[in-house]
């Protein structure tokens, strides 16, 4: 039951993140090859970096090519259907929030299964959740969402941390996955709805040093 639940989350995350990459391609009015490139890079990019860092070779989509095939098919479907939503940017943001939350917990889960320490598992959850979007935005010529003012990586961190904490505490992993996903999605969704952001650094006059250097 658990394996089926975790696999379903992972596949759903792949589909959602691939869709966000293809939606960026639609906003840039790319051809179908551009859709496939951005969609595939977004769908499997974060997980690829996670597996390389963990030494889990071959990476997941090399061992299971159906992930790659799915990314291609979803990208092509988006190429054909991207004109339907009234606001592709709004759809992109909300799909990205769902994909981020899914990958935050599934990435942390895969790190735990690979024998990583809890703090490393949290870090791998954040990597899985954010690096695919970074690749998407860079290839699409946009400012990476993780570097913008709104809360993004913080939401992934909170979701991954909650999942790992519940897992090492002996809570059923299905509950941990659902709880971590809901927390990450709720934080990101609230940030989108109410324009939440963390305090930014603001330049201010430095201290005046006297002759003694005090």
Protein backbone atom coordinates (compact mmCIF):
# COMPACT_ATOMS: atom_id res chain seq x y z
CA UNK A 1 0.00 0.00 0.00
CA UNK A 2 2.77 2.41 0.96
CA UNK A 3 4.81 1.69 -2.16
CA UNK A 4 1.75 2.35 -4.32
CA UNK A 5 0.98 5.62 -2.51
CA UNK A 6 4.57 6.90 -2.72
CA UNK A 7 4.86 5.89 -6.38
CA UNK A 8 1.58 7.67 -7.18
CA UNK A 9 2.86 10.88 -5.57
CA UNK A 10 6.14 10.62 -7.47
CA UNK A 11 4.43 10.11 -10.83
CA UNK A 12 1.96 12.91 -10.17
CA UNK A 13 4.86 15.21 -9.28
CA UNK A 14 6.61 14.33 -12.55
CA UNK A 15 3.47 15.09 -14.56
CA UNK A 16 2.77 18.37 -12.77
CA UNK A 17 6.32 19.69 -12.96
CA UNK A 18 6.61 18.67 -16.61
CA UNK A 19 3.44 20.64 -17.27
CA UNK A 20 4.94 23.75 -15.65
CA UNK A 21 8.00 23.50 -17.91
CA UNK A 22 5.83 23.13 -20.99
CA UNK A 23 3.69 26.09 -19.89
CA UNK A 24 6.81 28.26 -19.77
CA UNK A 25 7.53 27.11 -23.32
CA UNK A 26 4.00 28.15 -24.31
CA UNK A 27 4.51 31.63 -22.84
CA UNK A 28 7.71 31.90 -24.89
CA UNK A 29 5.86 30.61 -27.99
CA UNK A 30 8.35 27.78 -28.59
CA UNK A 31 7.90 24.89 -31.00
CA UNK A 32 7.12 21.36 -29.88
CA UNK A 33 10.81 20.54 -29.41
CA UNK A 34 11.12 23.48 -27.04
CA UNK A 35 8.10 22.19 -25.11
CA UNK A 36 9.70 18.76 -24.79
CA UNK A 37 13.06 20.20 -23.71
CA UNK A 38 11.65 22.49 -21.01
CA UNK A 39 9.03 20.00 -19.88
CA UNK A 40 11.46 17.10 -19.56
CA UNK A 41 14.21 19.16 -17.91
CA UNK A 42 11.71 20.42 -15.35
CA UNK A 43 10.09 17.06 -14.70
CA UNK A 44 13.27 15.08 -14.06
CA UNK A 45 15.87 17.78 -13.37
CA UNK A 46 15.55 17.98 -9.59
CA UNK A 47 15.42 14.21 -9.15
CA UNK A 48 18.45 13.78 -11.39
CA UNK A 49 20.53 16.16 -9.27
CA UNK A 50 19.29 14.43 -6.10
CA UNK A 51 20.31 10.97 -7.34
CA UNK A 52 23.74 12.21 -8.47
CA UNK A 53 24.38 13.82 -5.08
CA UNK A 54 23.27 10.66 -3.26
CA UNK A 55 25.34 8.44 -5.55
CA UNK A 56 22.17 6.55 -6.56
CA UNK A 57 23.35 5.56 -10.03
CA UNK A 58 21.98 5.09 -12.56
CA UNK A 59 19.60 7.99 -11.96
CA UNK A 60 15.94 7.06 -11.70
CA UNK A 61 14.90 7.83 -15.28
CA UNK A 62 17.83 5.94 -16.78
CA UNK A 63 16.82 2.83 -14.87
CA UNK A 64 13.14 3.39 -15.64
CA UNK A 65 12.78 5.05 -19.10
CA UNK A 66 9.01 5.33 -18.67
CA UNK A 67 9.66 8.53 -16.69
CA UNK A 68 11.32 10.04 -19.75
CA UNK A 69 8.55 8.85 -22.06
CA UNK A 70 5.94 10.35 -19.73
CA UNK A 71 7.69 13.73 -19.77
CA UNK A 72 7.70 13.74 -23.56
CA UNK A 73 4.02 12.78 -23.82
CA UNK A 74 2.92 15.37 -21.23
CA UNK A 75 4.96 18.06 -22.99
CA UNK A 76 3.36 17.25 -26.35
CA UNK A 77 -0.11 17.22 -24.77
CA UNK A 78 0.55 20.64 -23.27
CA UNK A 79 1.68 21.91 -26.68
CA UNK A 80 -1.74 20.93 -28.03
CA UNK A 81 -3.82 22.15 -25.07
CA UNK A 82 -1.94 25.14 -23.61
CA UNK A 83 -4.25 27.61 -25.34
CA UNK A 84 -7.28 26.48 -23.30
CA UNK A 85 -6.62 28.08 -19.87
CA UNK A 86 -7.43 31.78 -19.74
CA UNK A 87 -4.32 32.58 -17.71
CA UNK A 88 -1.39 30.27 -18.32
CA UNK A 89 0.76 32.16 -15.83
CA UNK A 90 -1.72 31.62 -12.99
CA UNK A 91 -1.98 27.95 -13.93
CA UNK A 92 1.81 27.74 -14.03
CA UNK A 93 2.18 29.16 -10.51
CA UNK A 94 -0.41 26.88 -8.94
CA UNK A 95 0.82 23.75 -10.74
CA UNK A 96 4.33 24.66 -9.69
CA UNK A 97 3.18 24.93 -6.06
CA UNK A 98 1.67 21.44 -6.20
CA UNK A 99 4.73 19.96 -7.91
CA UNK A 100 7.07 21.62 -5.44
CA UNK A 101 5.14 20.22 -2.47
CA UNK A 102 5.05 16.73 -3.97
CA UNK A 103 8.76 16.66 -4.79
CA UNK A 104 9.71 18.05 -1.37
CA UNK A 105 8.33 14.96 0.36
CA UNK A 106 9.09 12.32 -2.29
CA UNK A 107 12.66 13.61 -2.64
CA UNK A 108 13.17 13.41 1.12
CA UNK A 109 11.60 9.94 1.14
CA UNK A 110 13.97 8.64 -1.53
CA UNK A 111 16.94 10.06 0.37
CA UNK A 112 15.85 8.26 3.56
CA UNK A 113 15.43 5.01 1.65
CA UNK A 114 18.96 5.49 0.27
CA UNK A 115 20.28 5.60 3.85
CA UNK A 116 20.85 9.35 4.10
CA UNK A 117 20.83 11.07 7.49
CA UNK A 118 17.64 12.99 8.33
CA UNK A 119 19.20 16.43 7.77
CA UNK A 120 20.54 15.27 4.40
CA UNK A 121 17.12 13.88 3.50
CA UNK A 122 15.57 17.28 4.19
CA UNK A 123 18.19 18.94 1.98
CA UNK A 124 17.53 16.42 -0.80
CA UNK A 125 13.82 17.15 -0.54
CA UNK A 126 14.52 20.84 -1.11
CA UNK A 127 16.87 20.06 -4.00
CA UNK A 128 14.30 17.82 -5.68
CA UNK A 129 11.55 20.38 -5.20
CA UNK A 130 13.42 23.46 -6.41
CA UNK A 131 16.16 22.59 -8.89
CA UNK A 132 13.83 21.41 -11.65
CA UNK A 133 12.06 24.76 -11.50
CA UNK A 134 15.39 26.58 -11.54
CA UNK A 135 16.43 24.72 -14.70
CA UNK A 136 13.04 25.52 -16.26
CA UNK A 137 13.27 29.23 -15.52
CA UNK A 138 16.89 29.53 -16.68
CA UNK A 139 16.16 27.75 -19.97
CA UNK A 140 13.02 29.84 -20.38
CA UNK A 141 14.94 33.08 -19.85
CA UNK A 142 13.10 34.00 -16.65
CA UNK A 143 14.26 34.87 -13.14
CA UNK A 144 14.29 31.60 -11.13
CA UNK A 145 11.26 31.50 -8.85
CA UNK A 146 13.46 30.42 -5.95
CA UNK A 147 15.30 33.78 -6.14
CA UNK A 148 12.19 35.94 -6.22
CA UNK A 149 10.69 37.66 -3.21
CA UNK A 150 7.82 35.25 -2.58
CA UNK A 151 8.20 32.24 -0.30
CA UNK A 152 9.17 29.11 -2.24
CA UNK A 153 12.19 27.20 -0.97
CA UNK A 154 11.00 27.87 2.58
CA UNK A 155 7.78 26.01 1.82
CA UNK A 156 9.73 23.06 0.43
CA UNK A 157 12.00 23.07 3.48
CA UNK A 158 9.03 23.07 5.87
CA UNK A 159 7.30 20.21 4.07
CA UNK A 160 10.43 18.06 3.81
CA UNK A 161 11.36 18.74 7.44
CA UNK A 162 7.89 17.78 8.69
CA UNK A 163 7.90 14.56 6.68
CA UNK A 164 11.37 13.54 7.88
CA UNK A 165 10.54 14.41 11.49
CA UNK A 166 7.39 12.30 11.40
CA UNK A 167 9.21 9.44 9.68
CA UNK A 168 12.08 9.22 12.19
CA UNK A 169 9.50 9.48 14.98
CA UNK A 170 7.89 6.27 13.80
CA UNK A 171 4.75 7.81 12.29
CA UNK A 172 3.35 5.93 9.30
CA UNK A 173 5.00 7.21 6.16
CA UNK A 174 1.69 7.66 4.37
CA UNK A 175 0.71 10.13 7.09
CA UNK A 176 4.14 11.77 6.93
CA UNK A 177 3.98 12.16 3.15
CA UNK A 178 0.47 13.61 3.25
CA UNK A 179 1.31 15.94 6.15
CA UNK A 180 4.52 17.23 4.56
CA UNK A 181 2.81 17.76 1.23
CA UNK A 182 -0.10 19.65 2.78
CA UNK A 183 2.21 21.90 4.80
CA UNK A 184 4.41 22.79 1.83
CA UNK A 185 1.42 23.34 -0.46
CA UNK A 186 -0.40 25.43 2.16
CA UNK A 187 2.60 27.72 2.77
CA UNK A 188 3.24 28.20 -0.93
CA UNK A 189 -0.45 28.67 -1.68
CA UNK A 190 -0.80 31.27 1.07
CA UNK A 191 2.28 33.07 -0.24
CA UNK A 192 0.70 33.24 -3.69
CA UNK A 193 -2.69 34.30 -2.34
CA UNK A 194 -1.51 36.98 0.08
CA UNK A 195 1.89 37.88 -1.40
CA UNK A 196 3.86 36.64 1.59
CA UNK A 197 7.61 37.09 1.50
CA UNK A 198 10.53 36.86 3.90
CA UNK A 199 12.27 40.05 5.05
CA UNK A 200 14.88 41.22 2.55
CA UNK A 201 18.30 42.63 3.26
CA UNK A 202 18.37 46.41 2.92
CA UNK A 203 21.56 48.42 2.57
CA UNK A 204 22.33 50.78 5.42
CA UNK A 205 25.27 52.94 6.44
CA UNK A 206 28.22 50.99 7.76
CA UNK A 207 29.98 51.68 11.04
CA UNK A 208 32.51 54.48 11.10
CA UNK A 209 35.89 53.09 12.14
CA UNK A 210 38.14 55.22 14.33
CA UNK A 211 41.89 55.38 13.97
CA UNK A 212 42.41 52.40 16.26
CA UNK A 213 40.17 50.20 14.11
CA UNK A 214 37.64 49.70 16.95
